[in-house]
């Protein structure tokens, strides 16, 4: 993919082709359904896909948001805990 610094941009594009709605995800608030996990990581995604401007933020602060991040790992990156 031209104009990117992703380690595997082609794989990230394949994930988005299969599930483009993932970029429209709204981060879930921490609640009984989405327990906190203590990972304050945030990824801001912006760019263009097929001529459409894209901008969204993803967090890993609760179980629900971690599941979404994991689906987009090729785009957002892998988190390695110290």
PDB file of N, CA and C in Angstrom:
ATOM      1  N   UNK A   1       0.852  -1.176   0.000  1.00  0.00           N
ATOM      2  CA  UNK A   1       0.000   0.000   0.000  1.00  0.00           C
ATOM      3  C   UNK A   1       0.897   1.238   0.000  1.00  0.00           C
ATOM      4  N   UNK A   2       0.710   2.088  -0.951  1.00  0.00           N
ATOM      5  CA  UNK A   2       1.515   3.294  -1.065  1.00  0.00           C
ATOM      6  C   UNK A   2       1.100   4.312  -0.002  1.00  0.00           C
ATOM      7  N   UNK A   3       2.076   5.020   0.589  1.00  0.00           N
ATOM      8  CA  UNK A   3       1.786   6.090   1.535  1.00  0.00           C
ATOM      9  C   UNK A   3       1.516   5.628   2.948  1.00  0.00           C
ATOM     10  N   UNK A   4       2.048   4.484   3.318  1.00  0.00           N
ATOM     11  CA  UNK A   4       1.819   3.975   4.667  1.00  0.00           C
ATOM     12  C   UNK A   4       3.133   3.557   5.297  1.00  0.00           C
ATOM     13  N   UNK A   5       3.133   3.487   6.638  1.00  0.00           N
ATOM     14  CA  UNK A   5       4.310   2.967   7.329  1.00  0.00           C
ATOM     15  C   UNK A   5       3.951   1.731   8.148  1.00  0.00           C
ATOM     16  N   UNK A   6       2.830   1.090   7.821  1.00  0.00           N
ATOM     17  CA  UNK A   6       2.440  -0.138   8.498  1.00  0.00           C
ATOM     18  C   UNK A   6       3.403  -1.254   8.128  1.00  0.00           C
ATOM     19  N   UNK A   7       3.777  -2.106   9.091  1.00  0.00           N
ATOM     20  CA  UNK A   7       4.688  -3.214   8.780  1.00  0.00           C
ATOM     21  C   UNK A   7       4.100  -4.171   7.741  1.00  0.00           C
ATOM     22  N   UNK A   8       2.792  -4.418   7.783  1.00  0.00           N
ATOM     23  CA  UNK A   8       2.148  -5.297   6.814  1.00  0.00           C
ATOM     24  C   UNK A   8       0.855  -4.647   6.342  1.00  0.00           C
ATOM     25  N   UNK A   9       0.995  -3.622   5.528  1.00  0.00           N
ATOM     26  CA  UNK A   9      -0.159  -2.844   5.063  1.00  0.00           C
ATOM     27  C   UNK A   9      -1.131  -3.697   4.265  1.00  0.00           C
ATOM     28  N   UNK A  10      -0.612  -4.646   3.487  1.00  0.00           N
ATOM     29  CA  UNK A  10      -1.508  -5.493   2.692  1.00  0.00           C
ATOM     30  C   UNK A  10      -2.421  -6.318   3.590  1.00  0.00           C
ATOM     31  N   UNK A  11      -1.885  -6.860   4.672  1.00  0.00           N
ATOM     32  CA  UNK A  11      -2.697  -7.642   5.609  1.00  0.00           C
ATOM     33  C   UNK A  11      -3.733  -6.749   6.291  1.00  0.00           C
ATOM     34  N   UNK A  12      -3.345  -5.543   6.666  1.00  0.00           N
ATOM     35  CA  UNK A  12      -4.284  -4.602   7.290  1.00  0.00           C
ATOM     36  C   UNK A  12      -5.422  -4.271   6.326  1.00  0.00           C
ATOM     37  N   UNK A  13      -5.093  -4.087   5.058  1.00  0.00           N
ATOM     38  CA  UNK A  13      -6.129  -3.797   4.062  1.00  0.00           C
ATOM     39  C   UNK A  13      -7.081  -4.974   3.896  1.00  0.00           C
ATOM     40  N   UNK A  14      -6.554  -6.195   3.934  1.00  0.00           N
ATOM     41  CA  UNK A  14      -7.421  -7.376   3.828  1.00  0.00           C
ATOM     42  C   UNK A  14      -8.395  -7.440   4.996  1.00  0.00           C
ATOM     43  N   UNK A  15      -7.948  -7.121   6.219  1.00  0.00           N
ATOM     44  CA  UNK A  15      -8.838  -7.106   7.381  1.00  0.00           C
ATOM     45  C   UNK A  15      -9.953  -6.096   7.163  1.00  0.00           C
ATOM     46  N   UNK A  16      -9.615  -4.909   6.686  1.00  0.00           N
ATOM     47  CA  UNK A  16     -10.617  -3.863   6.464  1.00  0.00           C
ATOM     48  C   UNK A  16     -11.554  -4.202   5.304  1.00  0.00           C
ATOM     49  N   UNK A  17     -11.056  -4.913   4.299  1.00  0.00           N
ATOM     50  CA  UNK A  17     -11.933  -5.338   3.207  1.00  0.00           C
ATOM     51  C   UNK A  17     -12.984  -6.323   3.709  1.00  0.00           C
ATOM     52  N   UNK A  18     -12.579  -7.217   4.642  1.00  0.00           N
ATOM     53  CA  UNK A  18     -13.511  -8.212   5.185  1.00  0.00           C
ATOM     54  C   UNK A  18     -14.503  -7.582   6.149  1.00  0.00           C
ATOM     55  N   UNK A  19     -14.052  -6.605   6.940  1.00  0.00           N
ATOM     56  CA  UNK A  19     -14.911  -5.991   7.957  1.00  0.00           C
ATOM     57  C   UNK A  19     -14.717  -4.475   7.988  1.00  0.00           C
ATOM     58  N   UNK A  20     -15.164  -3.748   6.972  1.00  0.00           N
ATOM     59  CA  UNK A  20     -14.961  -2.294   6.939  1.00  0.00           C
ATOM     60  C   UNK A  20     -15.661  -1.574   8.094  1.00  0.00           C
ATOM     61  N   UNK A  21     -16.689  -2.169   8.644  1.00  0.00           N
ATOM     62  CA  UNK A  21     -17.417  -1.535   9.752  1.00  0.00           C
ATOM     63  C   UNK A  21     -16.560  -1.404  11.008  1.00  0.00           C
ATOM     64  N   UNK A  22     -15.450  -2.132  11.098  1.00  0.00           N
ATOM     65  CA  UNK A  22     -14.587  -2.012  12.272  1.00  0.00           C
ATOM     66  C   UNK A  22     -14.061  -0.591  12.448  1.00  0.00           C
ATOM     67  N   UNK A  23     -13.883   0.142  11.348  1.00  0.00           N
ATOM     68  CA  UNK A  23     -13.390   1.517  11.464  1.00  0.00           C
ATOM     69  C   UNK A  23     -14.470   2.480  11.939  1.00  0.00           C
ATOM     70  N   UNK A  24     -15.717   2.034  11.958  1.00  0.00           N
ATOM     71  CA  UNK A  24     -16.815   2.868  12.445  1.00  0.00           C
ATOM     72  C   UNK A  24     -17.119   2.581  13.919  1.00  0.00           C
ATOM     73  N   UNK A  25     -16.331   1.713  14.519  1.00  0.00           N
ATOM     74  CA  UNK A  25     -16.554   1.293  15.896  1.00  0.00           C
ATOM     75  C   UNK A  25     -16.495   2.475  16.852  1.00  0.00           C
ATOM     76  N   UNK A  26     -17.423   2.505  17.793  1.00  0.00           N
ATOM     77  CA  UNK A  26     -17.387   3.495  18.870  1.00  0.00           C
ATOM     78  C   UNK A  26     -16.909   2.785  20.126  1.00  0.00           C
ATOM     79  N   UNK A  27     -15.877   3.318  20.755  1.00  0.00           N
ATOM     80  CA  UNK A  27     -15.327   2.691  21.953  1.00  0.00           C
ATOM     81  C   UNK A  27     -16.415   2.509  23.003  1.00  0.00           C
ATOM     82  N   UNK A  28     -16.400   1.330  23.621  1.00  0.00           N
ATOM     83  CA  UNK A  28     -17.383   1.012  24.648  1.00  0.00           C
ATOM     84  C   UNK A  28     -16.942   1.604  25.986  1.00  0.00           C
ATOM     85  N   UNK A  29     -17.910   2.071  26.752  1.00  0.00           N
ATOM     86  CA  UNK A  29     -17.618   2.578  28.089  1.00  0.00           C
ATOM     87  C   UNK A  29     -17.420   1.383  29.036  1.00  0.00           C
ATOM     88  N   UNK A  30     -16.607   1.562  30.036  1.00  0.00           N
ATOM     89  CA  UNK A  30     -16.395   0.514  31.019  1.00  0.00           C
ATOM     90  C   UNK A  30     -17.660   0.350  31.850  1.00  0.00           C
ATOM     91  N   UNK A  31     -18.109  -0.891  31.990  1.00  0.00           N
ATOM     92  CA  UNK A  31     -19.344  -1.195  32.712  1.00  0.00           C
ATOM     93  C   UNK A  31     -19.300  -2.656  33.161  1.00  0.00           C
ATOM     94  N   UNK A  32     -20.415  -3.144  33.686  1.00  0.00           N
ATOM     95  CA  UNK A  32     -20.494  -4.557  34.057  1.00  0.00           C
ATOM     96  C   UNK A  32     -20.270  -5.448  32.840  1.00  0.00           C
ATOM     97  N   UNK A  33     -20.752  -5.011  31.677  1.00  0.00           N
ATOM     98  CA  UNK A  33     -20.605  -5.798  30.455  1.00  0.00           C
ATOM     99  C   UNK A  33     -19.194  -5.716  29.876  1.00  0.00           C
ATOM    100  N   UNK A  34     -18.482  -4.655  30.187  1.00  0.00           N
ATOM    101  CA  UNK A  34     -17.140  -4.414  29.645  1.00  0.00           C
ATOM    102  C   UNK A  34     -16.204  -4.056  30.797  1.00  0.00           C
ATOM    103  N   UNK A  35     -15.733  -5.070  31.502  1.00  0.00           N
ATOM    104  CA  UNK A  35     -14.888  -4.830  32.673  1.00  0.00           C
ATOM    105  C   UNK A  35     -13.563  -4.174  32.302  1.00  0.00           C
ATOM    106  N   UNK A  36     -13.090  -3.287  33.174  1.00  0.00           N
ATOM    107  CA  UNK A  36     -11.820  -2.598  32.973  1.00  0.00           C
ATOM    108  C   UNK A  36     -10.671  -3.597  32.984  1.00  0.00           C
ATOM    109  N   UNK A  37      -9.638  -3.321  32.191  1.00  0.00           N
ATOM    110  CA  UNK A  37      -8.477  -4.202  32.127  1.00  0.00           C
ATOM    111  C   UNK A  37      -7.171  -3.489  32.451  1.00  0.00           C
ATOM    112  N   UNK A  38      -7.211  -2.193  32.672  1.00  0.00           N
ATOM    113  CA  UNK A  38      -6.010  -1.469  33.089  1.00  0.00           C
ATOM    114  C   UNK A  38      -4.957  -1.317  32.012  1.00  0.00           C
ATOM    115  N   UNK A  39      -5.364  -1.252  30.754  1.00  0.00           N
ATOM    116  CA  UNK A  39      -4.436  -1.032  29.651  1.00  0.00           C
ATOM    117  C   UNK A  39      -4.787   0.304  28.993  1.00  0.00           C
ATOM    118  N   UNK A  40      -4.072   1.372  29.305  1.00  0.00           N
ATOM    119  CA  UNK A  40      -4.445   2.708  28.821  1.00  0.00           C
ATOM    120  C   UNK A  40      -4.001   3.019  27.384  1.00  0.00           C
ATOM    121  N   UNK A  41      -3.809   2.010  26.558  1.00  0.00           N
ATOM    122  CA  UNK A  41      -3.325   2.240  25.196  1.00  0.00           C
ATOM    123  C   UNK A  41      -4.416   2.843  24.309  1.00  0.00           C
ATOM    124  N   UNK A  42      -4.015   3.781  23.456  1.00  0.00           N
ATOM    125  CA  UNK A  42      -4.930   4.424  22.514  1.00  0.00           C
ATOM    126  C   UNK A  42      -4.239   4.460  21.146  1.00  0.00           C
ATOM    127  N   UNK A  43      -4.995   4.140  20.100  1.00  0.00           N
ATOM    128  CA  UNK A  43      -4.484   4.243  18.735  1.00  0.00           C
ATOM    129  C   UNK A  43      -5.415   5.162  17.954  1.00  0.00           C
ATOM    130  N   UNK A  44      -4.849   6.165  17.312  1.00  0.00           N
ATOM    131  CA  UNK A  44      -5.612   7.054  16.441  1.00  0.00           C
ATOM    132  C   UNK A  44      -5.350   6.625  15.002  1.00  0.00           C
ATOM    133  N   UNK A  45      -6.430   6.347  14.272  1.00  0.00           N
ATOM    134  CA  UNK A  45      -6.337   5.896  12.889  1.00  0.00           C
ATOM    135  C   UNK A  45      -6.935   6.974  12.002  1.00  0.00           C
ATOM    136  N   UNK A  46      -6.174   7.375  11.004  1.00  0.00           N
ATOM    137  CA  UNK A  46      -6.716   8.344  10.061  1.00  0.00           C
ATOM    138  C   UNK A  46      -6.079   8.112   8.707  1.00  0.00           C
ATOM    139  N   UNK A  47      -6.822   8.449   7.688  1.00  0.00           N
ATOM    140  CA  UNK A  47      -6.336   8.276   6.331  1.00  0.00           C
ATOM    141  C   UNK A  47      -7.492   8.249   5.366  1.00  0.00           C
ATOM    142  N   UNK A  48      -7.299   7.527   4.284  1.00  0.00           N
ATOM    143  CA  UNK A  48      -8.304   7.459   3.233  1.00  0.00           C
ATOM    144  C   UNK A  48      -8.403   6.030   2.729  1.00  0.00           C
ATOM    145  N   UNK A  49      -9.630   5.561   2.554  1.00  0.00           N
ATOM    146  CA  UNK A  49      -9.878   4.235   1.997  1.00  0.00           C
ATOM    147  C   UNK A  49     -10.849   4.402   0.839  1.00  0.00           C
ATOM    148  N   UNK A  50     -10.416   4.010  -0.334  1.00  0.00           N
ATOM    149  CA  UNK A  50     -11.253   4.117  -1.534  1.00  0.00           C
ATOM    150  C   UNK A  50     -11.871   5.501  -1.697  1.00  0.00           C
ATOM    151  N   UNK A  51     -11.081   6.541  -1.423  1.00  0.00           N
ATOM    152  CA  UNK A  51     -11.544   7.908  -1.597  1.00  0.00           C
ATOM    153  C   UNK A  51     -12.367   8.464  -0.451  1.00  0.00           C
ATOM    154  N   UNK A  52     -12.572   7.662   0.583  1.00  0.00           N
ATOM    155  CA  UNK A  52     -13.346   8.101   1.749  1.00  0.00           C
ATOM    156  C   UNK A  52     -12.404   8.382   2.913  1.00  0.00           C
ATOM    157  N   UNK A  53     -12.536   9.557   3.513  1.00  0.00           N
ATOM    158  CA  UNK A  53     -11.713   9.938   4.654  1.00  0.00           C
ATOM    159  C   UNK A  53     -12.126   9.122   5.886  1.00  0.00           C
ATOM    160  N   UNK A  54     -11.138   8.638   6.628  1.00  0.00           N
ATOM    161  CA  UNK A  54     -11.371   7.810   7.814  1.00  0.00           C
ATOM    162  C   UNK A  54     -10.619   8.409   8.992  1.00  0.00           C
ATOM    163  N   UNK A  55     -11.284   8.480  10.139  1.00  0.00           N
ATOM    164  CA  UNK A  55     -10.630   8.919  11.374  1.00  0.00           C
ATOM    165  C   UNK A  55     -11.369   8.289  12.543  1.00  0.00           C
ATOM    166  N   UNK A  56     -10.632   7.588  13.409  1.00  0.00           N
ATOM    167  CA  UNK A  56     -11.229   6.956  14.579  1.00  0.00           C
ATOM    168  C   UNK A  56     -10.137   6.708  15.611  1.00  0.00           C
ATOM    169  N   UNK A  57     -10.545   6.555  16.863  1.00  0.00           N
ATOM    170  CA  UNK A  57      -9.632   6.219  17.949  1.00  0.00           C
ATOM    171  C   UNK A  57     -10.069   4.900  18.572  1.00  0.00           C
ATOM    172  N   UNK A  58      -9.095   4.112  18.949  1.00  0.00           N
ATOM    173  CA  UNK A  58      -9.349   2.818  19.570  1.00  0.00           C
ATOM    174  C   UNK A  58      -8.620   2.760  20.902  1.00  0.00           C
ATOM    175  N   UNK A  59      -9.268   2.191  21.903  1.00  0.00           N
ATOM    176  CA  UNK A  59      -8.688   2.092  23.253  1.00  0.00           C
ATOM    177  C   UNK A  59      -8.642   0.627  23.673  1.00  0.00           C
ATOM    178  N   UNK A  60      -7.805   0.337  24.667  1.00  0.00           N
ATOM    179  CA  UNK A  60      -7.721  -1.005  25.246  1.00  0.00           C
ATOM    180  C   UNK A  60      -8.018  -0.944  26.737  1.00  0.00           C
ATOM    181  N   UNK A  61      -8.961  -0.135  27.130  1.00  0.00           N
ATOM    182  CA  UNK A  61      -9.204   0.082  28.559  1.00  0.00           C
ATOM    183  C   UNK A  61     -10.232  -0.872  29.166  1.00  0.00           C
ATOM    184  N   UNK A  62     -10.944  -1.641  28.335  1.00  0.00           N
ATOM    185  CA  UNK A  62     -11.868  -2.630  28.884  1.00  0.00           C
ATOM    186  C   UNK A  62     -11.963  -3.817  27.922  1.00  0.00           C
ATOM    187  N   UNK A  63     -12.590  -4.890  28.394  1.00  0.00           N
ATOM    188  CA  UNK A  63     -12.635  -6.132  27.619  1.00  0.00           C
ATOM    189  C   UNK A  63     -13.264  -5.952  26.242  1.00  0.00           C
ATOM    190  N   UNK A  64     -14.309  -5.155  26.136  1.00  0.00           N
ATOM    191  CA  UNK A  64     -14.980  -4.938  24.842  1.00  0.00           C
ATOM    192  C   UNK A  64     -14.050  -4.252  23.852  1.00  0.00           C
ATOM    193  N   UNK A  65     -13.351  -3.224  24.298  1.00  0.00           N
ATOM    194  CA  UNK A  65     -12.450  -2.495  23.413  1.00  0.00           C
ATOM    195  C   UNK A  65     -11.226  -3.336  23.038  1.00  0.00           C
ATOM    196  N   UNK A  66     -10.771  -4.185  23.948  1.00  0.00           N
ATOM    197  CA  UNK A  66      -9.647  -5.074  23.653  1.00  0.00           C
ATOM    198  C   UNK A  66     -10.025  -6.042  22.537  1.00  0.00           C
ATOM    199  N   UNK A  67     -11.243  -6.582  22.565  1.00  0.00           N
ATOM    200  CA  UNK A  67     -11.685  -7.508  21.511  1.00  0.00           C
ATOM    201  C   UNK A  67     -11.657  -6.828  20.139  1.00  0.00           C
ATOM    202  N   UNK A  68     -12.108  -5.589  20.060  1.00  0.00           N
ATOM    203  CA  UNK A  68     -12.080  -4.872  18.785  1.00  0.00           C
ATOM    204  C   UNK A  68     -10.643  -4.619  18.349  1.00  0.00           C
ATOM    205  N   UNK A  69      -9.793  -4.179  19.272  1.00  0.00           N
ATOM    206  CA  UNK A  69      -8.382  -3.928  18.963  1.00  0.00           C
ATOM    207  C   UNK A  69      -7.745  -5.198  18.403  1.00  0.00           C
ATOM    208  N   UNK A  70      -8.028  -6.327  19.049  1.00  0.00           N
ATOM    209  CA  UNK A  70      -7.427  -7.584  18.606  1.00  0.00           C
ATOM    210  C   UNK A  70      -7.848  -7.946  17.182  1.00  0.00           C
ATOM    211  N   UNK A  71      -9.072  -7.616  16.780  1.00  0.00           N
ATOM    212  CA  UNK A  71      -9.521  -7.866  15.412  1.00  0.00           C
ATOM    213  C   UNK A  71      -8.764  -6.990  14.422  1.00  0.00           C
ATOM    214  N   UNK A  72      -8.328  -5.811  14.864  1.00  0.00           N
ATOM    215  CA  UNK A  72      -7.626  -4.853  14.011  1.00  0.00           C
ATOM    216  C   UNK A  72      -6.125  -4.804  14.310  1.00  0.00           C
ATOM    217  N   UNK A  73      -5.602  -5.835  14.917  1.00  0.00           N
ATOM    218  CA  UNK A  73      -4.207  -5.821  15.359  1.00  0.00           C
ATOM    219  C   UNK A  73      -3.227  -5.506  14.230  1.00  0.00           C
ATOM    220  N   UNK A  74      -3.477  -5.980  13.013  1.00  0.00           N
ATOM    221  CA  UNK A  74      -2.555  -5.679  11.913  1.00  0.00           C
ATOM    222  C   UNK A  74      -2.546  -4.205  11.563  1.00  0.00           C
ATOM    223  N   UNK A  75      -3.621  -3.502  11.906  1.00  0.00           N
ATOM    224  CA  UNK A  75      -3.705  -2.057  11.658  1.00  0.00           C
ATOM    225  C   UNK A  75      -3.224  -1.261  12.859  1.00  0.00           C
ATOM    226  N   UNK A  76      -3.606  -1.694  14.076  1.00  0.00           N
ATOM    227  CA  UNK A  76      -3.323  -0.927  15.290  1.00  0.00           C
ATOM    228  C   UNK A  76      -2.003  -1.301  15.954  1.00  0.00           C
ATOM    229  N   UNK A  77      -1.530  -2.507  15.715  1.00  0.00           N
ATOM    230  CA  UNK A  77      -0.281  -2.949  16.320  1.00  0.00           C
ATOM    231  C   UNK A  77      -0.509  -3.878  17.502  1.00  0.00           C
ATOM    232  N   UNK A  78       0.537  -4.626  17.801  1.00  0.00           N
ATOM    233  CA  UNK A  78       0.511  -5.563  18.918  1.00  0.00           C
ATOM    234  C   UNK A  78       1.022  -4.871  20.164  1.00  0.00           C
ATOM    235  N   UNK A  79       0.334  -5.081  21.280  1.00  0.00           N
ATOM    236  CA  UNK A  79       0.760  -4.517  22.558  1.00  0.00           C
ATOM    237  C   UNK A  79       1.547  -5.569  23.311  1.00  0.00           C
ATOM    238  N   UNK A  80       2.734  -5.210  23.687  1.00  0.00           N
ATOM    239  CA  UNK A  80       3.567  -6.111  24.499  1.00  0.00           C
ATOM    240  C   UNK A  80       3.718  -5.493  25.880  1.00  0.00           C
ATOM    241  N   UNK A  81       3.206  -6.206  26.858  1.00  0.00           N
ATOM    242  CA  UNK A  81       3.311  -5.714  28.243  1.00  0.00           C
ATOM    243  C   UNK A  81       4.724  -5.936  28.751  1.00  0.00           C
ATOM    244  N   UNK A  82       5.190  -5.015  29.550  1.00  0.00           N
ATOM    245  CA  UNK A  82       6.565  -5.096  30.109  1.00  0.00           C
ATOM    246  C   UNK A  82       6.628  -6.101  31.214  1.00  0.00           C
TER     247      UNK A  82
END
